[in-house]
């Protein structure tokens, strides 16, 4: 696994979350975010179940540029 750090939300207060990485070997985006609020999780489940081993997390929209950079990096990986 080649995990590449992309960005952390500098306005989070704790300095470590939310965070975005790219796993270059798997060609995957990796997010650390806040747990979904109960009503948000319920709304997500209205479109389908959230299986064991999966999570719904929240990231602030101010991280959109970091997510775009992570997408560009992930798309350049040789794993597709």
C-alpha atoms as a PDB file:
ATOM      1  CA  UNK A   1       0.000   0.000   0.000  1.00  0.00           C
ATOM      2  CA  UNK A   2       1.406   3.378  -1.052  1.00  0.00           C
ATOM      3  CA  UNK A   3      -0.689   5.829   0.944  1.00  0.00           C
ATOM      4  CA  UNK A   4      -0.129   9.415  -0.184  1.00  0.00           C
ATOM      5  CA  UNK A   5      -1.251  12.243   2.076  1.00  0.00           C
ATOM      6  CA  UNK A   6      -3.220  14.896   0.166  1.00  0.00           C
ATOM      7  CA  UNK A   7      -4.601  17.312   2.765  1.00  0.00           C
ATOM      8  CA  UNK A   8      -6.034  17.839   6.211  1.00  0.00           C
ATOM      9  CA  UNK A   9      -8.728  20.382   7.006  1.00  0.00           C
ATOM     10  CA  UNK A  10      -6.740  23.201   8.549  1.00  0.00           C
ATOM     11  CA  UNK A  11      -9.883  24.683  10.114  1.00  0.00           C
ATOM     12  CA  UNK A  12     -10.871  21.520  11.966  1.00  0.00           C
ATOM     13  CA  UNK A  13      -9.473  22.676  15.275  1.00  0.00           C
ATOM     14  CA  UNK A  14      -7.711  19.419  16.093  1.00  0.00           C
ATOM     15  CA  UNK A  15      -5.395  19.491  13.110  1.00  0.00           C
ATOM     16  CA  UNK A  16      -5.922  15.836  12.176  1.00  0.00           C
ATOM     17  CA  UNK A  17      -9.415  15.464  10.751  1.00  0.00           C
ATOM     18  CA  UNK A  18     -10.936  15.481   8.204  1.00  0.00           C
ATOM     19  CA  UNK A  19      -8.081  14.134   6.096  1.00  0.00           C
ATOM     20  CA  UNK A  20      -7.741  12.888   2.515  1.00  0.00           C
ATOM     21  CA  UNK A  21      -5.219  10.338   1.190  1.00  0.00           C
ATOM     22  CA  UNK A  22      -4.814   8.292  -1.984  1.00  0.00           C
ATOM     23  CA  UNK A  23      -3.813   4.622  -1.972  1.00  0.00           C
ATOM     24  CA  UNK A  24      -1.750   4.568  -5.159  1.00  0.00           C
ATOM     25  CA  UNK A  25      -1.525   0.762  -5.249  1.00  0.00           C
ATOM     26  CA  UNK A  26      -5.291   0.251  -5.067  1.00  0.00           C
ATOM     27  CA  UNK A  27      -6.240   3.450  -6.902  1.00  0.00           C
ATOM     28  CA  UNK A  28      -8.558   4.413  -4.047  1.00  0.00           C
ATOM     29  CA  UNK A  29      -9.434   7.594  -2.196  1.00  0.00           C
ATOM     30  CA  UNK A  30      -9.167   7.322   1.589  1.00  0.00           C
ATOM     31  CA  UNK A  31     -11.110   9.709   3.828  1.00  0.00           C
ATOM     32  CA  UNK A  32     -11.082  10.361   7.547  1.00  0.00           C
ATOM     33  CA  UNK A  33     -14.118  12.400   8.485  1.00  0.00           C
ATOM     34  CA  UNK A  34     -16.703  13.021  11.103  1.00  0.00           C
ATOM     35  CA  UNK A  35     -19.326  10.348  11.776  1.00  0.00           C
ATOM     36  CA  UNK A  36     -22.577  10.924   9.949  1.00  0.00           C
ATOM     37  CA  UNK A  37     -25.280  12.471  12.081  1.00  0.00           C
ATOM     38  CA  UNK A  38     -28.078   9.998  12.926  1.00  0.00           C
ATOM     39  CA  UNK A  39     -30.618  11.755  10.679  1.00  0.00           C
ATOM     40  CA  UNK A  40     -28.037  11.894   7.868  1.00  0.00           C
ATOM     41  CA  UNK A  41     -27.307   8.173   8.199  1.00  0.00           C
ATOM     42  CA  UNK A  42     -31.045   7.458   8.149  1.00  0.00           C
ATOM     43  CA  UNK A  43     -31.417   9.506   4.938  1.00  0.00           C
ATOM     44  CA  UNK A  44     -28.490   7.639   3.367  1.00  0.00           C
ATOM     45  CA  UNK A  45     -30.050   4.310   4.292  1.00  0.00           C
ATOM     46  CA  UNK A  46     -33.257   5.378   2.503  1.00  0.00           C
ATOM     47  CA  UNK A  47     -31.388   4.789  -0.776  1.00  0.00           C
ATOM     48  CA  UNK A  48     -29.922   1.449   0.321  1.00  0.00           C
ATOM     49  CA  UNK A  49     -28.271  -0.320   3.244  1.00  0.00           C
ATOM     50  CA  UNK A  50     -24.882   0.567   4.669  1.00  0.00           C
ATOM     51  CA  UNK A  51     -23.277  -2.890   4.896  1.00  0.00           C
ATOM     52  CA  UNK A  52     -20.986  -4.064   7.679  1.00  0.00           C
ATOM     53  CA  UNK A  53     -17.463  -2.854   6.989  1.00  0.00           C
ATOM     54  CA  UNK A  54     -18.672   0.388   5.381  1.00  0.00           C
ATOM     55  CA  UNK A  55     -19.196   3.815   6.922  1.00  0.00           C
ATOM     56  CA  UNK A  56     -20.759   7.124   6.020  1.00  0.00           C
ATOM     57  CA  UNK A  57     -18.519  10.064   6.929  1.00  0.00           C
ATOM     58  CA  UNK A  58     -18.845  13.820   6.549  1.00  0.00           C
ATOM     59  CA  UNK A  59     -16.262  16.249   5.174  1.00  0.00           C
ATOM     60  CA  UNK A  60     -16.679  20.004   4.908  1.00  0.00           C
ATOM     61  CA  UNK A  61     -17.221  21.436   1.433  1.00  0.00           C
ATOM     62  CA  UNK A  62     -14.143  23.601   1.974  1.00  0.00           C
ATOM     63  CA  UNK A  63     -12.157  20.396   1.310  1.00  0.00           C
ATOM     64  CA  UNK A  64     -13.467  20.188  -2.276  1.00  0.00           C
ATOM     65  CA  UNK A  65     -10.109  21.280  -3.747  1.00  0.00           C
ATOM     66  CA  UNK A  66      -8.284  18.611  -1.746  1.00  0.00           C
ATOM     67  CA  UNK A  67     -10.776  15.976  -2.907  1.00  0.00           C
ATOM     68  CA  UNK A  68     -10.299  17.093  -6.530  1.00  0.00           C
ATOM     69  CA  UNK A  69      -6.513  16.804  -6.138  1.00  0.00           C
ATOM     70  CA  UNK A  70      -6.968  13.333  -4.644  1.00  0.00           C
ATOM     71  CA  UNK A  71      -9.219  12.343  -7.567  1.00  0.00           C
ATOM     72  CA  UNK A  72      -6.621  13.546 -10.075  1.00  0.00           C
ATOM     73  CA  UNK A  73      -3.885  11.631  -8.266  1.00  0.00           C
ATOM     74  CA  UNK A  74      -5.998   8.460  -8.020  1.00  0.00           C
ATOM     75  CA  UNK A  75      -6.872   8.636 -11.722  1.00  0.00           C
ATOM     76  CA  UNK A  76      -3.183   8.789 -12.588  1.00  0.00           C
ATOM     77  CA  UNK A  77      -2.494   5.498 -10.764  1.00  0.00           C
ATOM     78  CA  UNK A  78      -1.759   2.450 -12.883  1.00  0.00           C
ATOM     79  CA  UNK A  79      -4.381   0.263 -11.187  1.00  0.00           C
ATOM     80  CA  UNK A  80      -7.528   1.018 -13.166  1.00  0.00           C
END
